[in-house]
Structures are given as C-alpha cells and as structure tokens.
C-alpha cells in the first residue's frame, strides 16, 4: 500500500515543528514516523501512503526532522515509555526508536507564556519565531511546517493573544506553513486575520477529525440522503490523560464541542436537538469512549433509534493524520500555494476555506488536491481526471477566521 516518494522528495529535508511537542500526540508522531521509516510497522492510518497519493511529490518520511515547543520538561524517550506502558505504543517500540526520540527531544524549546512570564505578546512571538528559524538553519531543512497538537485552550475572553495564537503568529513570521490540529483559536483570532492574508504561506485547520466527529461526518449525510428526519443527536465522551484534564474546564470543552456540533448542522442542513458531554476519567489514560444516541423518524412517522460506540486512542488516531498534513502542507508551499487550504477539510471538524462537509465529498476534494501537487509531467495521473490546476492561492476565504458556507 505504500506510495513511493517522487524524485523531488529525495535530497531534501522537511522540518515539522510541533506545538505541544512532548504530549501524547507529538510523541506518537515522532515514534510512529521512525517506526514506519525503519520498517518496524506499516503506515496504517496514513492516507498519504495509499496509491491515490503516489507521485504527488510529498516529502518522504525519512526526510522529516522534528522539533517543537512545550512547557513541560519530560523527555520524549521517557514519555514514549509511559505511552507504551499504557498500550498506546507497541511494547518494545520506545527503545527501538530511542535515537530518533532523543534527537527530536534535543530540538524542543521552552514554550509559554508560563506563570510569571513578563514578556508581552510581541516579545513572545519574536522569541518563538526565532526558535523556529534557528531550528531550520541548524537542521538544514528546506522548509518547516508548524503543527499545533497542544491541549485545547478555552476561547479567549479579552486581553492579549492566547498561547495558540502566539504560536500561529510566530509560524507566519518565520515564513512557515501552519496547521492547527486543535480546537484552540490559533489563526482564527481577529487580530491575526491581516497577517494570515498577507503571509504568503499555506495554512490549514482546525481541530482534527479523529473519532466521534469522523463518524458523524459519515452518518449525517446518510440520514440526509435517505430523507430520514433526525429529531435529536446526543453524545457523551469519557476520556483521561492530558485531553481529559484540559477538557474538564467547561470553557475548553465548549471550544471542543463547537466543532462537533457544526459538523452535524452542516451535514444535516440544520441544527438538531442534543448536546455532547465530555467527562474526565483519569483512569482511562490516553483512551476514550464516545457514545452517540440518534433519534430519527422513518416512513409514516415510525420513531427509531441508532446508537454508536467508539472506543479508541486519540493519539494513535491523530498521529498518522498529523504526518499526512505536514507532508501535504509542505508540498503545497513548495508548489507555491498560499492561503487557507480548504481542500484539506477531510482532516478537520472546522476547516478553513470553503468545501463540502461529508467525508466522502471531502475525500474527493483531497484527491483532486493531490493532483495539483504533482509535478507538471505527472498531472495527468489525477484519479478524478482533472488537471493539476494552477499554483496560487487555495480557497476563497479572505481572512483566517472566515468560514466557507459549504461546511
């Protein structure tokens, strides 16, 4: 199933700068990339390693170099051992990829702002941007993609920029493409709209679609297409680990749930009754359970119920998508694309730019996007029969906080 990297991927290196670089998702990204590169495990879950993305000129996995920001100091090898003990990483994998984990850990710099930090927003942005550009120079990468995989923060209530927006601004100042895999504000802050529009770099987000909402983006169109009237759609999430602790804050949970509810409204055509509840259960660690209860009407008003249960590990679901996005966005910059990458909506609950909301239609957009990324001599291989497109701005949204009506 692995797609061979094109010739354009050889002889270059691509930086992946992770915000939240010592968290569960980031650790799984680094360990997973090393494991797949070494042939220890297949690239399960990586869409970019399937035949539809062959010859798209994406950076090869061995060419990825990792670094990042974090506010904790637990070394990546130690964090990986803890994830293996919890069943998130395979037993024995951390020592097998210990050199790669240690190399990435050496490239992690202190994040912020921490309690007592007296630097203002401008000073923090400048410091973070300098960390990113120093990493690029030191590691000799051709380009660096900044990906936010930190814990969810509450929506801003005033004052200075939230941490996610400071990092996003630093990415743009450093000339780096940016991906927000979290529900946090990032580039959606109004103060960054002009900067995003003038930056000349591609960006994507927000909030990775990994579990419950992935299923909703499939089931929602099913009800709509079969003309079945959904009366209510309620859900519950039980989770532990860092996400559980972060989402115990009602404001952070509200930011997370906004994307889940938006997917339902977009795929069903209107909001429906029901809410999603998130409960922190520390004993679950990095595993979570998501239940959905869907009440709908059938022919002649027959009242029916569909219930779903999703049990999984968010880190394992998210890590291959983060690797996909880093490769796709890096290639987009190489091809001269800029602005919101609406074609990457397949990966997000609340995507930037315009695009469809059903997963099947989003996948079609993603395949067409892969066709645009191919070199000119390969553009005729687009599986949908469309041409490779003209490099330039992707998406029609003007500022980073604009939302396409089609979602």
Protein backbone atom coordinates (compact mmCIF):
# COMPACT_ATOMS: atom_id res chain seq x y z
CA UNK A 1 0.00 0.00 0.00
CA UNK A 2 2.94 2.39 0.43
CA UNK A 3 3.36 5.02 -2.22
CA UNK A 4 6.87 5.56 -3.49
CA UNK A 5 8.16 9.10 -2.96
CA UNK A 6 8.79 11.01 -6.16
CA UNK A 7 12.24 12.09 -7.20
CA UNK A 8 11.53 15.59 -5.94
CA UNK A 9 11.38 14.23 -2.35
CA UNK A 10 14.97 12.98 -2.41
CA UNK A 11 17.94 15.00 -1.21
CA UNK A 12 15.89 17.48 0.86
CA UNK A 13 14.74 17.67 4.44
CA UNK A 14 11.45 18.99 5.84
CA UNK A 15 11.06 20.30 9.37
CA UNK A 16 7.98 19.51 11.43
CA UNK A 17 7.72 21.88 14.40
CA UNK A 18 5.18 20.58 16.91
CA UNK A 19 3.43 22.84 19.43
CA UNK A 20 2.93 20.56 22.43
CA UNK A 21 5.99 18.59 21.37
CA UNK A 22 6.17 16.40 24.49
CA UNK A 23 2.48 15.46 24.56
CA UNK A 24 0.96 12.11 23.66
CA UNK A 25 0.12 13.01 20.07
CA UNK A 26 3.53 14.51 19.32
CA UNK A 27 5.37 11.59 20.91
CA UNK A 28 3.30 9.15 18.86
CA UNK A 29 4.03 11.18 15.70
CA UNK A 30 7.81 11.03 16.22
CA UNK A 31 7.88 7.39 17.32
CA UNK A 32 5.48 6.37 14.56
CA UNK A 33 7.42 8.11 11.81
CA UNK A 34 10.61 6.40 12.97
CA UNK A 35 8.90 3.00 13.20
CA UNK A 36 7.40 3.20 9.71
CA UNK A 37 10.67 4.51 8.24
CA UNK A 38 12.57 1.59 9.78
CA UNK A 39 10.02 -0.93 8.50
CA UNK A 40 9.03 -1.95 12.02
CA UNK A 41 5.34 -1.23 11.43
CA UNK A 42 3.13 -0.47 8.39
CA UNK A 43 1.82 3.03 7.74
CA UNK A 44 -1.71 2.15 8.91
CA UNK A 45 -3.93 5.24 9.03
CA UNK A 46 -1.70 7.37 6.79
CA UNK A 47 -3.84 8.41 3.85
CA UNK A 48 -0.78 9.85 2.06
CA UNK A 49 0.78 6.39 1.91
CA UNK A 50 -2.05 5.00 -0.23
CA UNK A 51 -1.89 4.76 -4.05
CA UNK A 52 -4.04 7.87 -4.60
CA UNK A 53 -1.12 9.97 -3.35
CA UNK A 54 1.72 8.28 -5.20
CA UNK A 55 3.89 10.65 -7.23
CA UNK A 56 2.41 13.73 -5.54
CA UNK A 57 5.92 14.83 -4.62
CA UNK A 58 5.27 14.65 -0.88
CA UNK A 59 8.29 14.70 1.44
CA UNK A 60 9.44 11.17 2.19
CA UNK A 61 9.01 10.07 5.79
CA UNK A 62 12.78 9.61 6.32
CA UNK A 63 13.27 13.26 5.34
CA UNK A 64 11.16 14.63 8.21
CA UNK A 65 13.03 16.33 11.07
CA UNK A 66 11.17 17.05 14.30
CA UNK A 67 11.36 19.79 16.91
CA UNK A 68 8.91 21.97 18.75
CA UNK A 69 7.76 23.97 21.75
CA UNK A 70 6.42 22.68 25.05
CA UNK A 71 6.00 23.94 28.57
CA UNK A 72 6.83 20.59 30.23
CA UNK A 73 10.25 19.01 30.54
CA UNK A 74 9.56 15.25 30.42
CA UNK A 75 11.97 13.88 27.76
CA UNK A 76 10.40 12.21 24.75
CA UNK A 77 12.01 8.79 25.40
CA UNK A 78 10.51 8.77 28.90
CA UNK A 79 7.14 9.93 27.59
CA UNK A 80 7.22 7.16 24.99
CA UNK A 81 7.89 4.56 27.69
CA UNK A 82 4.83 5.80 29.58
CA UNK A 83 2.71 5.54 26.42
CA UNK A 84 3.95 2.00 25.81
CA UNK A 85 3.06 1.07 29.39
CA UNK A 86 -0.45 2.38 28.72
CA UNK A 87 -0.82 0.40 25.49
CA UNK A 88 -0.71 3.43 23.20
CA UNK A 89 2.66 2.48 21.67
CA UNK A 90 3.66 -1.13 20.99
CA UNK A 91 5.69 -2.79 23.71
CA UNK A 92 9.37 -2.56 22.84
CA UNK A 93 8.99 0.29 20.36
CA UNK A 94 10.44 3.13 22.52
CA UNK A 95 13.92 1.57 22.81
CA UNK A 96 13.84 0.58 19.14
CA UNK A 97 13.36 4.22 18.11
CA UNK A 98 15.14 5.75 21.09
CA UNK A 99 17.73 7.56 18.97
CA UNK A 100 15.05 9.30 16.92
CA UNK A 101 13.08 10.26 20.05
CA UNK A 102 16.22 11.67 21.68
CA UNK A 103 17.15 13.61 18.53
CA UNK A 104 13.69 15.22 18.41
CA UNK A 105 13.80 15.96 22.13
CA UNK A 106 17.04 17.90 21.69
CA UNK A 107 15.18 20.23 19.30
CA UNK A 108 12.36 21.09 21.74
CA UNK A 109 12.43 24.60 23.18
CA UNK A 110 10.53 26.08 26.17
CA UNK A 111 7.08 27.33 25.26
CA UNK A 112 4.91 29.82 27.04
CA UNK A 113 3.73 32.05 28.38
CA UNK A 114 4.42 30.44 31.75
CA UNK A 115 3.20 31.89 35.06
CA UNK A 116 5.31 34.91 35.92
CA UNK A 117 6.45 35.49 32.33
CA UNK A 118 6.67 39.26 31.90
CA UNK A 119 7.16 39.28 28.12
CA UNK A 120 4.42 40.92 26.09
CA UNK A 121 2.80 39.36 23.00
CA UNK A 122 5.32 40.86 20.58
CA UNK A 123 8.28 39.61 22.59
CA UNK A 124 6.82 36.10 22.85
CA UNK A 125 6.05 35.94 19.12
CA UNK A 126 9.56 37.11 18.28
CA UNK A 127 11.12 34.55 20.61
CA UNK A 128 9.02 31.67 19.26
CA UNK A 129 9.74 32.67 15.65
CA UNK A 130 13.46 32.80 16.41
CA UNK A 131 13.29 29.26 17.83
CA UNK A 132 11.70 28.03 14.60
CA UNK A 133 14.15 29.78 12.27
CA UNK A 134 17.13 28.62 14.38
CA UNK A 135 15.84 25.05 14.12
CA UNK A 136 15.54 25.33 10.34
CA UNK A 137 19.06 26.72 9.99
CA UNK A 138 20.61 24.27 12.42
CA UNK A 139 18.95 21.20 10.87
CA UNK A 140 19.36 22.33 7.26
CA UNK A 141 15.72 21.87 6.30
CA UNK A 142 14.25 23.32 3.10
CA UNK A 143 11.01 24.31 4.81
CA UNK A 144 9.30 23.86 8.16
CA UNK A 145 5.64 23.16 8.85
CA UNK A 146 4.34 24.23 12.27
CA UNK A 147 1.61 21.96 13.67
CA UNK A 148 -0.34 22.71 16.84
CA UNK A 149 -1.05 19.46 18.74
CA UNK A 150 -1.19 21.03 22.22
CA UNK A 151 -4.06 20.59 24.68
CA UNK A 152 -7.27 22.50 23.98
CA UNK A 153 -7.37 26.00 25.46
CA UNK A 154 -10.51 27.96 26.35
CA UNK A 155 -11.78 30.53 23.88
CA UNK A 156 -10.14 33.93 24.52
CA UNK A 157 -12.11 36.35 26.64
CA UNK A 158 -10.07 39.50 26.12
CA UNK A 159 -6.66 40.97 26.77
CA UNK A 160 -3.64 39.61 24.90
CA UNK A 161 -3.46 36.82 22.37
CA UNK A 162 -3.98 33.25 23.66
CA UNK A 163 -0.97 30.95 23.52
CA UNK A 164 -2.20 29.16 20.38
CA UNK A 165 -2.39 32.47 18.53
CA UNK A 166 1.08 33.49 19.69
CA UNK A 167 2.49 30.29 18.19
CA UNK A 168 0.46 30.75 15.00
CA UNK A 169 1.74 34.31 14.58
CA UNK A 170 5.30 33.09 15.18
CA UNK A 171 4.90 30.46 12.46
CA UNK A 172 3.79 33.05 9.92
CA UNK A 173 6.53 35.45 10.95
CA UNK A 174 9.07 32.68 10.38
CA UNK A 175 7.58 32.10 6.90
CA UNK A 176 6.27 28.65 7.82
CA UNK A 177 3.04 26.94 6.81
CA UNK A 178 0.77 26.38 9.81
CA UNK A 179 -1.64 23.60 10.76
CA UNK A 180 -3.98 23.86 13.75
CA UNK A 181 -4.93 20.30 14.73
CA UNK A 182 -6.70 21.56 17.87
CA UNK A 183 -9.93 23.48 18.58
CA UNK A 184 -7.85 26.33 20.05
CA UNK A 185 -8.04 29.77 18.49
CA UNK A 186 -4.75 29.83 16.57
CA UNK A 187 -5.10 31.86 13.37
CA UNK A 188 -8.85 32.35 13.95
CA UNK A 189 -8.14 35.30 16.23
CA UNK A 190 -9.37 38.52 14.55
CA UNK A 191 -6.07 40.24 15.32
CA UNK A 192 -4.26 37.77 13.04
CA UNK A 193 -6.58 37.95 10.01
CA UNK A 194 -4.49 40.54 8.17
CA UNK A 195 -1.24 38.74 9.00
CA UNK A 196 -2.63 35.44 7.70
CA UNK A 197 -3.86 37.06 4.48
CA UNK A 198 -0.53 38.76 3.77
CA UNK A 199 1.78 35.96 4.93
CA UNK A 200 2.08 34.20 1.58
CA UNK A 201 2.12 30.75 3.21
CA UNK A 202 -0.48 27.98 3.17
CA UNK A 203 -2.35 27.10 6.34
CA UNK A 204 -4.94 24.53 7.40
CA UNK A 205 -7.12 23.59 10.37
CA UNK A 206 -8.80 23.41 12.70
CA UNK A 207 -9.49 20.57 15.16
CA UNK A 208 -8.51 17.18 13.79
CA UNK A 209 -11.39 14.86 12.94
CA UNK A 210 -10.32 11.57 14.52
CA UNK A 211 -13.17 9.74 16.23
CA UNK A 212 -16.71 10.69 17.15
CA UNK A 213 -16.91 13.53 14.64
CA UNK A 214 -15.36 11.38 11.91
CA UNK A 215 -18.28 9.00 12.35
CA UNK A 216 -20.76 11.88 12.44
CA UNK A 217 -19.45 13.20 9.11
CA UNK A 218 -20.31 9.82 7.59
CA UNK A 219 -23.65 9.19 9.29
CA UNK A 220 -25.02 12.74 8.92
CA UNK A 221 -25.08 12.61 5.11
CA UNK A 222 -26.63 9.12 5.26
CA UNK A 223 -29.69 10.45 7.10
CA UNK A 224 -29.94 13.47 4.81
CA UNK A 225 -29.58 11.45 1.60
CA UNK A 226 -32.14 8.86 2.69
CA UNK A 227 -34.62 11.62 3.70
CA UNK A 228 -34.76 10.40 7.31
CA UNK A 229 -35.64 13.13 9.79
CA UNK A 230 -33.21 13.35 12.70
CA UNK A 231 -35.04 14.57 15.81
CA UNK A 232 -32.14 14.59 18.26
CA UNK A 233 -28.46 13.65 18.32
CA UNK A 234 -26.75 13.47 21.70
CA UNK A 235 -23.29 12.28 22.66
CA UNK A 236 -21.01 11.57 25.58
CA UNK A 237 -17.21 11.36 25.72
CA UNK A 238 -15.27 9.69 28.52
CA UNK A 239 -11.54 10.36 28.36
CA UNK A 240 -8.47 10.71 30.53
CA UNK A 241 -4.89 11.83 30.00
CA UNK A 242 -3.96 15.41 29.15
CA UNK A 243 -7.05 15.92 27.00
CA UNK A 244 -9.36 14.79 29.77
CA UNK A 245 -7.74 17.18 32.22
CA UNK A 246 -7.81 20.08 29.77
CA UNK A 247 -11.43 19.47 28.76
CA UNK A 248 -12.56 19.32 32.38
CA UNK A 249 -12.51 23.12 32.03
CA UNK A 250 -16.03 23.99 30.79
CA UNK A 251 -14.67 26.75 28.55
CA UNK A 252 -12.22 24.37 26.85
CA UNK A 253 -14.97 21.75 26.46
CA UNK A 254 -17.22 24.35 24.85
CA UNK A 255 -14.50 25.16 22.30
CA UNK A 256 -14.15 21.45 21.53
CA UNK A 257 -17.88 20.81 21.20
CA UNK A 258 -18.44 23.73 18.83
CA UNK A 259 -16.75 21.82 16.01
CA UNK A 260 -18.67 18.61 16.73
CA UNK A 261 -21.99 20.44 16.61
CA UNK A 262 -21.06 22.35 13.47
CA UNK A 263 -20.41 19.12 11.55
CA UNK A 264 -23.92 17.90 12.39
CA UNK A 265 -25.57 21.17 11.39
CA UNK A 266 -23.65 21.24 8.11
CA UNK A 267 -24.29 17.61 7.13
CA UNK A 268 -27.96 17.55 8.21
CA UNK A 269 -28.77 21.00 6.85
CA UNK A 270 -29.92 22.46 10.18
CA UNK A 271 -29.08 22.28 13.89
CA UNK A 272 -30.70 19.45 15.84
CA UNK A 273 -31.58 18.99 19.48
CA UNK A 274 -28.94 17.38 21.67
CA UNK A 275 -25.54 18.08 23.18
CA UNK A 276 -22.16 16.43 23.62
CA UNK A 277 -20.94 15.94 27.17
CA UNK A 278 -17.26 15.43 27.98
CA UNK A 279 -16.24 13.74 31.25
CA UNK A 280 -12.69 13.50 32.55
CA UNK A 281 -11.97 9.94 33.74
CA UNK A 282 -8.25 9.90 34.68
CA UNK A 283 -8.19 6.10 34.98
CA UNK A 284 -8.74 5.82 31.20
CA UNK A 285 -5.36 7.41 30.47
CA UNK A 286 -4.96 8.10 26.75
CA UNK A 287 -8.00 6.02 25.79
CA UNK A 288 -11.51 7.30 25.29
CA UNK A 289 -15.07 6.09 24.77
CA UNK A 290 -17.62 8.06 22.75
CA UNK A 291 -21.32 7.25 22.63
CA UNK A 292 -23.89 8.72 20.28
CA UNK A 293 -27.68 8.42 20.61
CA UNK A 294 -29.56 9.37 17.43
CA UNK A 295 -33.35 9.66 17.43
CA UNK A 296 -34.89 9.79 13.95
CA UNK A 297 -38.21 9.37 12.16
CA UNK A 298 -38.85 6.92 9.38
CA UNK A 299 -41.76 6.36 6.95
CA UNK A 300 -45.20 7.19 8.37
CA UNK A 301 -43.58 8.68 11.45
CA UNK A 302 -42.07 5.45 12.77
CA UNK A 303 -39.72 6.51 15.57
CA UNK A 304 -36.35 4.80 15.55
CA UNK A 305 -33.01 4.96 17.35
CA UNK A 306 -29.41 4.43 16.25
CA UNK A 307 -26.70 4.15 18.90
CA UNK A 308 -22.97 4.01 18.25
CA UNK A 309 -19.99 3.34 20.49
CA UNK A 310 -16.46 4.39 19.58
CA UNK A 311 -13.57 3.21 21.74
CA UNK A 312 -10.06 4.17 20.77
CA UNK A 313 -6.88 6.06 21.42
CA UNK A 314 -6.82 9.63 20.16
CA UNK A 315 -3.02 9.71 19.91
CA UNK A 316 -2.96 6.70 17.60
CA UNK A 317 -5.80 8.11 15.52
CA UNK A 318 -4.28 11.58 15.32
CA UNK A 319 -0.60 10.79 14.68
CA UNK A 320 -0.94 9.48 11.10
CA UNK A 321 -3.13 12.46 10.20
CA UNK A 322 -0.52 14.88 11.57
CA UNK A 323 2.11 13.21 9.38
CA UNK A 324 -0.25 13.43 6.39
CA UNK A 325 -0.89 17.11 6.97
CA UNK A 326 2.75 18.01 7.48
CA UNK A 327 3.64 16.35 4.17
CA UNK A 328 0.70 17.82 2.22
CA UNK A 329 1.18 21.36 3.50
CA UNK A 330 4.95 21.27 2.97
CA UNK A 331 4.39 20.20 -0.62
CA UNK A 332 1.74 22.89 -1.07
CA UNK A 333 4.27 25.54 -0.10
CA UNK A 334 6.84 24.00 -2.42
CA UNK A 335 4.31 24.28 -5.25
CA UNK A 336 3.73 27.97 -4.49
CA UNK A 337 0.27 27.64 -2.93
CA UNK A 338 -0.78 30.02 -0.18
CA UNK A 339 -3.74 30.92 1.99
CA UNK A 340 -6.37 28.62 3.52
CA UNK A 341 -6.19 25.05 2.21
CA UNK A 342 -9.90 24.27 2.06
CA UNK A 343 -9.17 21.02 0.22
CA UNK A 344 -7.78 19.59 3.47
CA UNK A 345 -11.20 19.76 5.14
CA UNK A 346 -11.17 15.93 5.12
CA UNK A 347 -8.98 16.12 8.21
CA UNK A 348 -10.84 18.73 10.28
CA UNK A 349 -14.04 19.40 12.20
CA UNK A 350 -13.93 23.13 11.47
CA UNK A 351 -11.90 23.55 8.27
CA UNK A 352 -10.69 26.87 6.91
CA UNK A 353 -11.69 27.92 3.41
CA UNK A 354 -14.65 26.51 1.52
CA UNK A 355 -15.53 22.90 0.90
CA UNK A 356 -18.09 20.13 1.43
CA UNK A 357 -18.91 18.69 4.86
CA UNK A 358 -19.50 14.99 4.12
CA UNK A 359 -16.43 12.78 4.43
CA UNK A 360 -16.86 11.15 1.02
CA UNK A 361 -17.01 14.51 -0.77
CA UNK A 362 -14.10 15.80 1.28
CA UNK A 363 -12.02 12.81 0.23
CA UNK A 364 -12.78 13.59 -3.41
CA UNK A 365 -11.53 17.15 -2.84
CA UNK A 366 -8.40 15.78 -1.18
CA UNK A 367 -7.63 13.54 -4.17
CA UNK A 368 -8.04 16.47 -6.54
CA UNK A 369 -5.69 18.45 -4.34
CA UNK A 370 -3.12 15.66 -4.61
CA UNK A 371 -3.40 16.04 -8.37
CA UNK A 372 -2.50 19.72 -8.05
CA UNK A 373 0.58 18.80 -6.05
CA UNK A 374 2.02 16.55 -8.74
CA UNK A 375 4.73 17.87 -10.99
CA UNK A 376 3.58 19.00 -14.43
CA UNK A 377 4.67 15.80 -16.14
CA UNK A 378 2.62 13.76 -13.66
CA UNK A 379 -0.52 15.94 -13.54
CA UNK A 380 -2.46 13.73 -15.93
CA UNK A 381 -2.45 10.94 -13.34
CA UNK A 382 -5.06 12.60 -11.14
CA UNK A 383 -7.50 9.82 -10.29
CA UNK A 384 -10.51 12.08 -10.84
CA UNK A 385 -9.45 13.01 -14.34
CA UNK A 386 -8.99 16.70 -13.55
CA UNK A 387 -5.95 18.67 -14.47
CA UNK A 388 -3.34 19.66 -11.95
CA UNK A 389 -4.63 23.18 -11.53
CA UNK A 390 -2.68 26.42 -11.48
CA UNK A 391 -0.45 27.12 -8.49
CA UNK A 392 -1.71 30.01 -6.43
CA UNK A 393 -3.95 30.80 -3.53
CA UNK A 394 -6.14 27.88 -2.46
CA UNK A 395 -9.62 28.61 -1.10
CA UNK A 396 -11.65 31.74 -1.35
CA UNK A 397 -11.76 32.86 2.28
CA UNK A 398 -10.14 36.23 2.81
CA UNK A 399 -9.11 36.13 6.46
CA UNK A 400 -8.17 33.27 8.73
CA UNK A 401 -11.46 33.42 10.61
CA UNK A 402 -13.74 33.24 7.57
CA UNK A 403 -15.78 30.07 7.20
CA UNK A 404 -16.99 28.57 3.94
CA UNK A 405 -20.75 28.32 3.60
CA UNK A 406 -20.46 24.77 2.30
CA UNK A 407 -19.27 23.26 5.58
